[in-house]
C-alpha atoms as a PDB file:
ATOM      1  CA  UNK A   1     -77.086  75.331 134.066  1.00  0.00           C
ATOM      2  CA  UNK A   2     -79.163  72.967 132.196  1.00  0.00           C
ATOM      3  CA  UNK A   3     -78.102  69.253 131.154  1.00  0.00           C
ATOM      4  CA  UNK A   4     -77.543  69.224 127.529  1.00  0.00           C
ATOM      5  CA  UNK A   5     -80.368  67.314 125.954  1.00  0.00           C
ATOM      6  CA  UNK A   6     -79.807  63.722 124.269  1.00  0.00           C
ATOM      7  CA  UNK A   7     -79.278  63.316 120.941  1.00  0.00           C
ATOM      8  CA  UNK A   8     -82.425  60.697 121.033  1.00  0.00           C
ATOM      9  CA  UNK A   9     -84.633  63.249 122.635  1.00  0.00           C
ATOM     10  CA  UNK A  10     -83.632  65.893 120.066  1.00  0.00           C
ATOM     11  CA  UNK A  11     -84.632  63.385 117.458  1.00  0.00           C
ATOM     12  CA  UNK A  12     -87.741  62.676 119.034  1.00  0.00           C
ATOM     13  CA  UNK A  13     -89.182  66.447 119.133  1.00  0.00           C
ATOM     14  CA  UNK A  14     -87.680  66.762 115.860  1.00  0.00           C
ATOM     15  CA  UNK A  15     -89.649  63.967 114.983  1.00  0.00           C
ATOM     16  CA  UNK A  16     -92.977  65.623 116.810  1.00  0.00           C
ATOM     17  CA  UNK A  17     -92.228  68.914 115.027  1.00  0.00           C
ATOM     18  CA  UNK A  18     -92.344  67.626 111.286  1.00  0.00           C
ATOM     19  CA  UNK A  19     -95.641  65.370 111.796  1.00  0.00           C
ATOM     20  CA  UNK A  20     -97.286  68.410 113.217  1.00  0.00           C
ATOM     21  CA  UNK A  21     -95.950  70.609 109.862  1.00  0.00           C
ATOM     22  CA  UNK A  22     -96.878  67.301 107.569  1.00  0.00           C
ATOM     23  CA  UNK A  23    -100.591  67.209 109.221  1.00  0.00           C
ATOM     24  CA  UNK A  24    -101.385  70.872 108.442  1.00  0.00           C
ATOM     25  CA  UNK A  25    -104.050  70.942 106.534  1.00  0.00           C
ATOM     26  CA  UNK A  26    -104.955  73.872 104.149  1.00  0.00           C
ATOM     27  CA  UNK A  27    -108.259  74.870 106.081  1.00  0.00           C
ATOM     28  CA  UNK A  28    -108.366  74.403 109.786  1.00  0.00           C
ATOM     29  CA  UNK A  29    -110.646  75.168 112.350  1.00  0.00           C
ATOM     30  CA  UNK A  30    -109.807  76.018 116.269  1.00  0.00           C
ATOM     31  CA  UNK A  31    -110.847  74.814 119.186  1.00  0.00           C
ATOM     32  CA  UNK A  32    -113.272  77.505 119.742  1.00  0.00           C
ATOM     33  CA  UNK A  33    -114.960  76.908 116.078  1.00  0.00           C
ATOM     34  CA  UNK A  34    -115.431  72.898 116.915  1.00  0.00           C
ATOM     35  CA  UNK A  35    -117.222  74.132 120.535  1.00  0.00           C
ATOM     36  CA  UNK A  36    -119.287  75.880 118.684  1.00  0.00           C
ATOM     37  CA  UNK A  37    -120.261  73.393 115.964  1.00  0.00           C
ATOM     38  CA  UNK A  38    -120.114  70.095 118.443  1.00  0.00           C
ATOM     39  CA  UNK A  39    -123.622  70.112 119.222  1.00  0.00           C
ATOM     40  CA  UNK A  40    -125.181  70.172 115.938  1.00  0.00           C
ATOM     41  CA  UNK A  41    -122.476  67.941 114.752  1.00  0.00           C
ATOM     42  CA  UNK A  42    -123.662  65.186 117.307  1.00  0.00           C
ATOM     43  CA  UNK A  43    -127.008  65.747 116.662  1.00  0.00           C
ATOM     44  CA  UNK A  44    -126.698  65.276 113.045  1.00  0.00           C
ATOM     45  CA  UNK A  45    -124.268  62.039 113.848  1.00  0.00           C
ATOM     46  CA  UNK A  46    -127.202  60.461 116.300  1.00  0.00           C
ATOM     47  CA  UNK A  47    -129.567  60.823 113.716  1.00  0.00           C
ATOM     48  CA  UNK A  48    -127.142  58.631 110.999  1.00  0.00           C
ATOM     49  CA  UNK A  49    -125.982  61.713 108.620  1.00  0.00           C
ATOM     50  CA  UNK A  50    -122.423  61.146 107.074  1.00  0.00           C
ATOM     51  CA  UNK A  51    -121.121  63.962 109.647  1.00  0.00           C
ATOM     52  CA  UNK A  52    -117.453  63.386 108.088  1.00  0.00           C
ATOM     53  CA  UNK A  53    -118.411  64.574 104.562  1.00  0.00           C
ATOM     54  CA  UNK A  54    -120.743  67.172 105.914  1.00  0.00           C
ATOM     55  CA  UNK A  55    -118.120  68.728 108.369  1.00  0.00           C
ATOM     56  CA  UNK A  56    -114.406  67.273 107.466  1.00  0.00           C
ATOM     57  CA  UNK A  57    -112.375  70.473 109.209  1.00  0.00           C
ATOM     58  CA  UNK A  58    -114.242  69.441 112.488  1.00  0.00           C
ATOM     59  CA  UNK A  59    -113.485  65.524 112.200  1.00  0.00           C
ATOM     60  CA  UNK A  60    -110.175  66.484 111.092  1.00  0.00           C
ATOM     61  CA  UNK A  61    -109.522  68.487 114.277  1.00  0.00           C
ATOM     62  CA  UNK A  62    -111.689  65.597 116.325  1.00  0.00           C
ATOM     63  CA  UNK A  63    -108.820  63.475 115.273  1.00  0.00           C
ATOM     64  CA  UNK A  64    -106.060  65.439 116.444  1.00  0.00           C
ATOM     65  CA  UNK A  65    -107.089  67.077 119.611  1.00  0.00           C
ATOM     66  CA  UNK A  66    -107.581  65.361 122.686  1.00  0.00           C
ATOM     67  CA  UNK A  67    -109.439  67.873 124.423  1.00  0.00           C
ATOM     68  CA  UNK A  68    -111.937  68.537 121.389  1.00  0.00           C
ATOM     69  CA  UNK A  69    -112.311  64.434 121.258  1.00  0.00           C
ATOM     70  CA  UNK A  70    -113.145  64.397 125.052  1.00  0.00           C
ATOM     71  CA  UNK A  71    -116.053  67.083 124.569  1.00  0.00           C
ATOM     72  CA  UNK A  72    -117.038  65.046 122.077  1.00  0.00           C
ATOM     73  CA  UNK A  73    -117.074  61.696 123.266  1.00  0.00           C
ATOM     74  CA  UNK A  74    -119.187  63.078 126.359  1.00  0.00           C
ATOM     75  CA  UNK A  75    -121.434  64.678 124.141  1.00  0.00           C
ATOM     76  CA  UNK A  76    -122.073  61.548 122.108  1.00  0.00           C
ATOM     77  CA  UNK A  77    -122.360  59.494 125.835  1.00  0.00           C
ATOM     78  CA  UNK A  78    -125.334  62.315 126.717  1.00  0.00           C
ATOM     79  CA  UNK A  79    -127.134  61.933 123.528  1.00  0.00           C
ATOM     80  CA  UNK A  80    -126.855  57.910 123.910  1.00  0.00           C
ATOM     81  CA  UNK A  81    -128.332  57.917 127.161  1.00  0.00           C
ATOM     82  CA  UNK A  82    -130.959  60.198 126.548  1.00  0.00           C
ATOM     83  CA  UNK A  83    -134.565  59.044 125.585  1.00  0.00           C
ATOM     84  CA  UNK A  84    -135.355  59.570 122.155  1.00  0.00           C
END
């Protein structure tokens, strides 16, 4: 038999769930879609393009998804280390 969940734990879980619901956008993209576009996104960003304006759903996804953000940051480091 599992111990009963504390009221604090339930409240915390409910808060996380509600944040996810309210943070949901009408248009969202998946991690697979982000990975397909990420190279181009980083290239344009390196050239000084306004990627936030060009790819708003991708930018929003990067703000919310730790795995995709780590991949993005790794690509940025590679681009910055590469000779021009």
